[in-house]
Structures are given as structure tokens and as C-alpha cells.
Amino acid sequence: GKQDPAKRGVCSNFLCDSKPGDEVSIAGPSGKVLIMPEENPEQKYIMVGTGTGVAPFRGFMRRLFGESNPQNKAYKGVAWLFLGVANKDSLLYDEEFQIYKQQYPEKVRLDYALSREGPTNKNGGKMYIQDKMEEYADELFECLDNGAHIYFCGLKGMMPGIQGMLEEVCVSKGLKMEEWLGKLKKNGQWHVEVY
């Protein structure tokens, strides 16, 4: 089929268009924001991404389910992906994720928020990633209270909506958002890499 020119990835196409011997400068984020703790084979990972922010989570899923490695063989936890995109055409790596879900139905959860297609949020508006997360708020809070790690990657514009939703849930549970979030950060469970 024809390639949609509006969906050409800048970096991947730059690399694909490079010729052998071309000099390429590479720089990227530094630090350890998106490192998976692997000490506990029952660790729960909650991954929240928008658009191309799903790319590191593809790496997580491959590490847990697609590679032959000691972590993969020993893993007994749950990897839960929330992905927010405009429409089904924008669900990057979905075929791969669906294979993992089929092979490991007890270990893989996929929840997609399609803002331009599909169901609406509880108020009848577009379904954004914070709305999809809110549908599972009690379960998410329980997972986090029990040591799950949560990762955010994608456009920084997603964070105010997510944090607003989390604050509303905290209020409904009689929690103070600053204290609850502070505990997650102190315990190293809160990981944010947005751009």
C-alpha cells in the first residue's frame, strides 16, 4: 500500500535515508527514568503513553515477553499498558502487543484511549488517556499502594490531565495528592519521561 507522508517518522526516516559512511550525531535523554526494576519477578508495571511515547514500552514488553532471557522466563507479574492516540491507525506496535496478550493473557493488559474513535468518556466527551485510566482508578491505586511502578512517556501535555484525574481520585479516597504522590516518588515508583 501507499505510505502516508504525514506519518513519516523524523528520526527513523533520517536514519533510513542515510548512506553508509554518513556521519550521524546522536544524543538523547540521560539518566535512568525508564529503567525497569527486575529484582522482583512479581513486579507490576503500569505504562502510560501517548503516540510515539509507546516506544520504550515496546522495549519493556519485549524484555518481559518477547525475548528469551532469565527475566522473561521468571516473570510472574503484570504489565499494564495505557495508550492514548487519536485513532486505530495510530496504535503503534499493536500487532506485537496483541501477540503478547494472546500468549500471556494473565500477564498482559492493554487499555487504549482513542480520542477520535470509539467510546466516549463518562461525560460523553472524547476519550483521553486520563479518562481511560480513571475507569480503573481503584485498581490502579491498589496496584500502586502495593508497590507497582508507573511510567509515563509521550507528550508532556498529557500530564496535567492525568495529574488532575489522580488528584480527583485522591480527594474521593480521602487522600492528599502531595503526600500520596510524594510516597510514590520516595519509593522510586513514579517515572516520568515526557517531551
C-alpha atoms as a PDB file:
ATOM      1  CA  GLY A   1       0.000   0.000   0.000  1.00  0.00           C
ATOM      2  CA  LYS A   2       0.899   3.647  -0.171  1.00  0.00           C
ATOM      3  CA  GLN A   3       2.757   5.253   2.675  1.00  0.00           C
ATOM      4  CA  ASP A   4       1.044   8.200   4.307  1.00  0.00           C
ATOM      5  CA  PRO A   5       3.600  11.058   4.098  1.00  0.00           C
ATOM      6  CA  ALA A   6       2.078  12.640   7.210  1.00  0.00           C
ATOM      7  CA  LYS A   7       3.186   9.621   9.229  1.00  0.00           C
ATOM      8  CA  ARG A   8       6.851   9.564   8.304  1.00  0.00           C
ATOM      9  CA  GLY A   9       8.922   9.343  11.466  1.00  0.00           C
ATOM     10  CA  VAL A  10      11.570  12.055  11.522  1.00  0.00           C
ATOM     11  CA  CYS A  11      14.358  10.086  13.174  1.00  0.00           C
ATOM     12  CA  SER A  12      13.737   6.669  11.613  1.00  0.00           C
ATOM     13  CA  ASN A  13      13.435   8.161   8.116  1.00  0.00           C
ATOM     14  CA  PHE A  14      16.571  10.227   8.622  1.00  0.00           C
ATOM     15  CA  LEU A  15      18.443   7.044   9.517  1.00  0.00           C
ATOM     16  CA  CYS A  16      16.868   5.038   6.677  1.00  0.00           C
ATOM     17  CA  ASP A  17      17.813   7.767   4.193  1.00  0.00           C
ATOM     18  CA  SER A  18      21.424   7.889   5.425  1.00  0.00           C
ATOM     19  CA  LYS A  19      24.143   6.334   3.309  1.00  0.00           C
ATOM     20  CA  PRO A  20      26.927   4.064   4.577  1.00  0.00           C
ATOM     21  CA  GLY A  21      29.726   6.280   5.832  1.00  0.00           C
ATOM     22  CA  ASP A  22      27.493   9.285   6.634  1.00  0.00           C
ATOM     23  CA  GLU A  23      28.380  10.897   9.941  1.00  0.00           C
ATOM     24  CA  VAL A  24      25.456  10.981  12.349  1.00  0.00           C
ATOM     25  CA  SER A  25      25.346  12.772  15.701  1.00  0.00           C
ATOM     26  CA  ILE A  26      23.259  11.003  18.292  1.00  0.00           C
ATOM     27  CA  ALA A  27      22.098  12.463  21.571  1.00  0.00           C
ATOM     28  CA  GLY A  28      19.278  11.520  23.824  1.00  0.00           C
ATOM     29  CA  PRO A  29      17.868  11.614  27.279  1.00  0.00           C
ATOM     30  CA  SER A  30      20.279  10.768  30.008  1.00  0.00           C
ATOM     31  CA  GLY A  31      19.560   9.230  33.345  1.00  0.00           C
ATOM     32  CA  LYS A  32      17.623   6.247  34.486  1.00  0.00           C
ATOM     33  CA  VAL A  33      13.996   7.366  34.343  1.00  0.00           C
ATOM     34  CA  LEU A  34      12.726   4.424  32.303  1.00  0.00           C
ATOM     35  CA  ILE A  35      14.682   1.594  33.903  1.00  0.00           C
ATOM     36  CA  MET A  36      12.674  -1.466  34.929  1.00  0.00           C
ATOM     37  CA  PRO A  37      13.471  -2.892  38.354  1.00  0.00           C
ATOM     38  CA  GLU A  38      13.863  -6.620  37.783  1.00  0.00           C
ATOM     39  CA  GLU A  39      14.634  -7.916  41.262  1.00  0.00           C
ATOM     40  CA  ASN A  40      11.044  -8.971  41.951  1.00  0.00           C
ATOM     41  CA  PRO A  41       9.623 -11.435  39.376  1.00  0.00           C
ATOM     42  CA  GLU A  42       6.090 -10.466  40.506  1.00  0.00           C
ATOM     43  CA  GLN A  43       6.623  -6.732  39.895  1.00  0.00           C
ATOM     44  CA  LYS A  44       3.680  -4.912  38.316  1.00  0.00           C
ATOM     45  CA  TYR A  45       4.468  -2.340  35.657  1.00  0.00           C
ATOM     46  CA  ILE A  46       1.911   0.296  34.652  1.00  0.00           C
ATOM     47  CA  MET A  47       2.901   2.034  31.434  1.00  0.00           C
ATOM     48  CA  VAL A  48       1.150   5.204  30.270  1.00  0.00           C
ATOM     49  CA  GLY A  49       1.984   6.606  26.872  1.00  0.00           C
ATOM     50  CA  THR A  50       0.677   8.821  24.120  1.00  0.00           C
ATOM     51  CA  GLY A  51       1.619   8.432  20.471  1.00  0.00           C
ATOM     52  CA  THR A  52       5.285   7.640  19.933  1.00  0.00           C
ATOM     53  CA  GLY A  53       5.734   7.652  23.718  1.00  0.00           C
ATOM     54  CA  VAL A  54       4.793   3.977  23.476  1.00  0.00           C
ATOM     55  CA  ALA A  55       8.227   3.111  22.015  1.00  0.00           C
ATOM     56  CA  PRO A  56      10.025   2.482  25.328  1.00  0.00           C
ATOM     57  CA  PHE A  57       7.095   0.364  26.454  1.00  0.00           C
ATOM     58  CA  ARG A  58       7.576  -1.803  23.388  1.00  0.00           C
ATOM     59  CA  GLY A  59      11.062  -2.406  24.781  1.00  0.00           C
ATOM     60  CA  PHE A  60       9.588  -3.261  28.188  1.00  0.00           C
ATOM     61  CA  MET A  61       7.152  -5.724  26.624  1.00  0.00           C
ATOM     62  CA  ARG A  62       9.868  -7.322  24.532  1.00  0.00           C
ATOM     63  CA  ARG A  63      12.067  -7.665  27.606  1.00  0.00           C
ATOM     64  CA  LEU A  64       9.258  -9.287  29.564  1.00  0.00           C
ATOM     65  CA  PHE A  65       7.595 -11.382  26.861  1.00  0.00           C
ATOM     66  CA  GLY A  66       9.418 -11.322  23.534  1.00  0.00           C
ATOM     67  CA  GLU A  67      12.991 -12.241  24.363  1.00  0.00           C
ATOM     68  CA  SER A  68      14.479 -15.415  25.709  1.00  0.00           C
ATOM     69  CA  ASN A  69      16.139 -14.182  28.886  1.00  0.00           C
ATOM     70  CA  PRO A  70      16.089 -15.069  32.590  1.00  0.00           C
ATOM     71  CA  GLN A  71      13.747 -12.156  33.413  1.00  0.00           C
ATOM     72  CA  ASN A  72      11.280 -13.277  30.763  1.00  0.00           C
ATOM     73  CA  LYS A  73      11.218 -16.864  31.984  1.00  0.00           C
ATOM     74  CA  ALA A  74      10.833 -15.894  35.657  1.00  0.00           C
ATOM     75  CA  TYR A  75       8.319 -13.048  35.257  1.00  0.00           C
ATOM     76  CA  LYS A  76       5.029 -13.639  37.088  1.00  0.00           C
ATOM     77  CA  GLY A  77       3.779 -10.060  37.388  1.00  0.00           C
ATOM     78  CA  VAL A  78       1.512  -7.940  35.219  1.00  0.00           C
ATOM     79  CA  ALA A  79       2.479  -5.420  32.542  1.00  0.00           C
ATOM     80  CA  TRP A  80      -0.405  -2.994  32.017  1.00  0.00           C
ATOM     81  CA  LEU A  81      -0.252  -0.564  29.105  1.00  0.00           C
ATOM     82  CA  PHE A  82      -2.452   2.503  28.745  1.00  0.00           C
ATOM     83  CA  LEU A  83      -2.002   4.066  25.316  1.00  0.00           C
ATOM     84  CA  GLY A  84      -3.678   7.245  24.146  1.00  0.00           C
ATOM     85  CA  VAL A  85      -3.888   8.024  20.415  1.00  0.00           C
ATOM     86  CA  ALA A  86      -6.323   9.709  18.038  1.00  0.00           C
ATOM     87  CA  ASN A  87      -7.464   6.611  16.151  1.00  0.00           C
ATOM     88  CA  LYS A  88      -6.764   2.934  15.470  1.00  0.00           C
ATOM     89  CA  ASP A  89      -4.346   3.795  12.658  1.00  0.00           C
ATOM     90  CA  SER A  90      -2.090   5.384  15.277  1.00  0.00           C
ATOM     91  CA  LEU A  91      -1.827   2.302  17.519  1.00  0.00           C
ATOM     92  CA  LEU A  92       1.894   1.724  17.102  1.00  0.00           C
ATOM     93  CA  TYR A  93       3.122  -1.837  17.754  1.00  0.00           C
ATOM     94  CA  ASP A  94      -0.407  -3.077  18.446  1.00  0.00           C
ATOM     95  CA  GLU A  95       0.104  -6.303  16.489  1.00  0.00           C
ATOM     96  CA  GLU A  96       3.103  -7.128  18.663  1.00  0.00           C
ATOM     97  CA  PHE A  97       1.266  -6.226  21.869  1.00  0.00           C
ATOM     98  CA  GLN A  98      -1.710  -8.380  20.857  1.00  0.00           C
ATOM     99  CA  ILE A  99       0.605 -11.371  20.375  1.00  0.00           C
ATOM    100  CA  TYR A 100       1.973 -10.919  23.904  1.00  0.00           C
ATOM    101  CA  LYS A 101      -1.561 -10.593  25.260  1.00  0.00           C
ATOM    102  CA  GLN A 102      -2.597 -13.784  23.476  1.00  0.00           C
ATOM    103  CA  GLN A 103       0.483 -15.684  24.680  1.00  0.00           C
ATOM    104  CA  TYR A 104       0.386 -14.318  28.253  1.00  0.00           C
ATOM    105  CA  PRO A 105      -3.255 -13.401  28.970  1.00  0.00           C
ATOM    106  CA  GLU A 106      -2.726 -13.304  32.747  1.00  0.00           C
ATOM    107  CA  LYS A 107       0.334 -11.058  32.479  1.00  0.00           C
ATOM    108  CA  VAL A 108      -0.527  -8.501  29.781  1.00  0.00           C
ATOM    109  CA  ARG A 109      -3.229  -5.840  29.939  1.00  0.00           C
ATOM    110  CA  LEU A 110      -3.874  -3.355  27.161  1.00  0.00           C
ATOM    111  CA  ASP A 111      -6.181  -0.362  27.513  1.00  0.00           C
ATOM    112  CA  TYR A 112      -6.413   2.111  24.676  1.00  0.00           C
ATOM    113  CA  ALA A 113      -7.954   5.589  24.645  1.00  0.00           C
ATOM    114  CA  LEU A 114      -8.928   6.562  21.103  1.00  0.00           C
ATOM    115  CA  SER A 115      -9.860  10.239  21.227  1.00  0.00           C
ATOM    116  CA  ARG A 116     -11.324  10.444  17.718  1.00  0.00           C
ATOM    117  CA  GLU A 117     -12.945   6.992  17.557  1.00  0.00           C
ATOM    118  CA  GLY A 118     -14.638   4.573  19.849  1.00  0.00           C
ATOM    119  CA  PRO A 119     -16.358   5.070  23.151  1.00  0.00           C
ATOM    120  CA  THR A 120     -16.659   8.414  24.856  1.00  0.00           C
ATOM    121  CA  ASN A 121     -15.635   9.244  28.401  1.00  0.00           C
ATOM    122  CA  LYS A 122     -18.078   9.217  31.318  1.00  0.00           C
ATOM    123  CA  ASN A 123     -19.191  12.772  30.469  1.00  0.00           C
ATOM    124  CA  GLY A 124     -19.856  11.983  26.800  1.00  0.00           C
ATOM    125  CA  GLY A 125     -16.676  13.724  25.591  1.00  0.00           C
ATOM    126  CA  LYS A 126     -13.598  12.434  23.804  1.00  0.00           C
ATOM    127  CA  MET A 127     -11.795   9.538  25.480  1.00  0.00           C
ATOM    128  CA  TYR A 128      -8.342  10.709  26.518  1.00  0.00           C
ATOM    129  CA  ILE A 129      -5.741   8.696  28.371  1.00  0.00           C
ATOM    130  CA  GLN A 130      -6.684  10.126  31.787  1.00  0.00           C
ATOM    131  CA  ASP A 131     -10.308   9.111  31.158  1.00  0.00           C
ATOM    132  CA  LYS A 132      -9.280   5.535  30.371  1.00  0.00           C
ATOM    133  CA  MET A 133      -7.101   5.417  33.485  1.00  0.00           C
ATOM    134  CA  GLU A 134      -9.929   6.798  35.607  1.00  0.00           C
ATOM    135  CA  GLU A 135     -12.101   3.830  34.602  1.00  0.00           C
ATOM    136  CA  TYR A 136      -9.642   1.682  36.548  1.00  0.00           C
ATOM    137  CA  ALA A 137      -8.782   4.186  39.294  1.00  0.00           C
ATOM    138  CA  ASP A 138      -9.459   1.868  42.243  1.00  0.00           C
ATOM    139  CA  GLU A 139      -7.381  -0.916  40.736  1.00  0.00           C
ATOM    140  CA  LEU A 140      -4.568   1.454  39.764  1.00  0.00           C
ATOM    141  CA  PHE A 141      -4.384   2.907  43.263  1.00  0.00           C
ATOM    142  CA  GLU A 142      -4.398  -0.586  44.769  1.00  0.00           C
ATOM    143  CA  CYS A 143      -1.557  -1.649  42.460  1.00  0.00           C
ATOM    144  CA  LEU A 144       0.470   1.459  43.312  1.00  0.00           C
ATOM    145  CA  ASP A 145      -0.219   1.056  47.040  1.00  0.00           C
ATOM    146  CA  ASN A 146       1.186  -2.470  46.691  1.00  0.00           C
ATOM    147  CA  GLY A 147       4.430  -1.403  45.006  1.00  0.00           C
ATOM    148  CA  ALA A 148       3.651  -1.218  41.277  1.00  0.00           C
ATOM    149  CA  HIS A 149       5.872   1.066  39.222  1.00  0.00           C
ATOM    150  CA  ILE A 150       4.165   3.567  36.916  1.00  0.00           C
ATOM    151  CA  TYR A 151       5.860   5.024  33.858  1.00  0.00           C
ATOM    152  CA  PHE A 152       4.774   7.971  31.708  1.00  0.00           C
ATOM    153  CA  CYS A 153       6.201   8.680  28.274  1.00  0.00           C
ATOM    154  CA  GLY A 154       4.914  10.875  25.475  1.00  0.00           C
ATOM    155  CA  LEU A 155       3.803  14.430  25.025  1.00  0.00           C
ATOM    156  CA  LYS A 156       4.115  16.482  28.197  1.00  0.00           C
ATOM    157  CA  GLY A 157       0.625  17.823  27.519  1.00  0.00           C
ATOM    158  CA  MET A 158      -0.822  14.554  28.827  1.00  0.00           C
ATOM    159  CA  MET A 159       0.474  15.094  32.362  1.00  0.00           C
ATOM    160  CA  PRO A 160      -1.849  17.914  33.547  1.00  0.00           C
ATOM    161  CA  GLY A 161      -4.944  15.854  32.652  1.00  0.00           C
ATOM    162  CA  ILE A 162      -3.533  12.739  34.298  1.00  0.00           C
ATOM    163  CA  GLN A 163      -2.458  14.608  37.425  1.00  0.00           C
ATOM    164  CA  GLY A 164      -5.847  16.329  37.615  1.00  0.00           C
ATOM    165  CA  MET A 165      -7.599  12.974  37.409  1.00  0.00           C
ATOM    166  CA  LEU A 166      -5.295  11.486  40.067  1.00  0.00           C
ATOM    167  CA  GLU A 167      -5.965  14.450  42.341  1.00  0.00           C
ATOM    168  CA  GLU A 168      -9.739  13.973  41.976  1.00  0.00           C
ATOM    169  CA  VAL A 169      -9.370  10.293  42.830  1.00  0.00           C
ATOM    170  CA  CYS A 170      -7.196  11.159  45.839  1.00  0.00           C
ATOM    171  CA  VAL A 171      -9.867  13.564  47.102  1.00  0.00           C
ATOM    172  CA  SER A 172     -12.563  10.903  46.647  1.00  0.00           C
ATOM    173  CA  LYS A 173     -10.445   8.472  48.685  1.00  0.00           C
ATOM    174  CA  GLY A 174      -9.676  10.993  51.433  1.00  0.00           C
ATOM    175  CA  LEU A 175      -6.013  11.201  50.416  1.00  0.00           C
ATOM    176  CA  LYS A 176      -3.813  14.248  49.979  1.00  0.00           C
ATOM    177  CA  MET A 177      -2.338  14.185  46.482  1.00  0.00           C
ATOM    178  CA  GLU A 178       1.004  15.694  47.569  1.00  0.00           C
ATOM    179  CA  GLU A 179       1.504  13.028  50.236  1.00  0.00           C
ATOM    180  CA  TRP A 180       0.335  10.149  48.029  1.00  0.00           C
ATOM    181  CA  LEU A 181       2.500  11.226  45.091  1.00  0.00           C
ATOM    182  CA  GLY A 182       5.403  12.043  47.400  1.00  0.00           C
ATOM    183  CA  LYS A 183       5.333   8.480  48.718  1.00  0.00           C
ATOM    184  CA  LEU A 184       5.411   7.042  45.182  1.00  0.00           C
ATOM    185  CA  LYS A 185       8.345   9.272  44.279  1.00  0.00           C
ATOM    186  CA  LYS A 186      10.203   8.467  47.509  1.00  0.00           C
ATOM    187  CA  ASN A 187       9.747   4.752  46.851  1.00  0.00           C
ATOM    188  CA  GLY A 188      11.007   5.128  43.276  1.00  0.00           C
ATOM    189  CA  GLN A 189       7.674   4.005  41.777  1.00  0.00           C
ATOM    190  CA  TRP A 190       6.900   7.178  39.758  1.00  0.00           C
ATOM    191  CA  HIS A 191       8.792   7.529  36.448  1.00  0.00           C
ATOM    192  CA  VAL A 192       8.178  10.406  34.023  1.00  0.00           C
ATOM    193  CA  GLU A 193       9.896  10.969  30.664  1.00  0.00           C
ATOM    194  CA  VAL A 194       7.795  13.439  28.676  1.00  0.00           C
ATOM    195  CA  TYR A 195       8.744  15.912  25.957  1.00  0.00           C
END
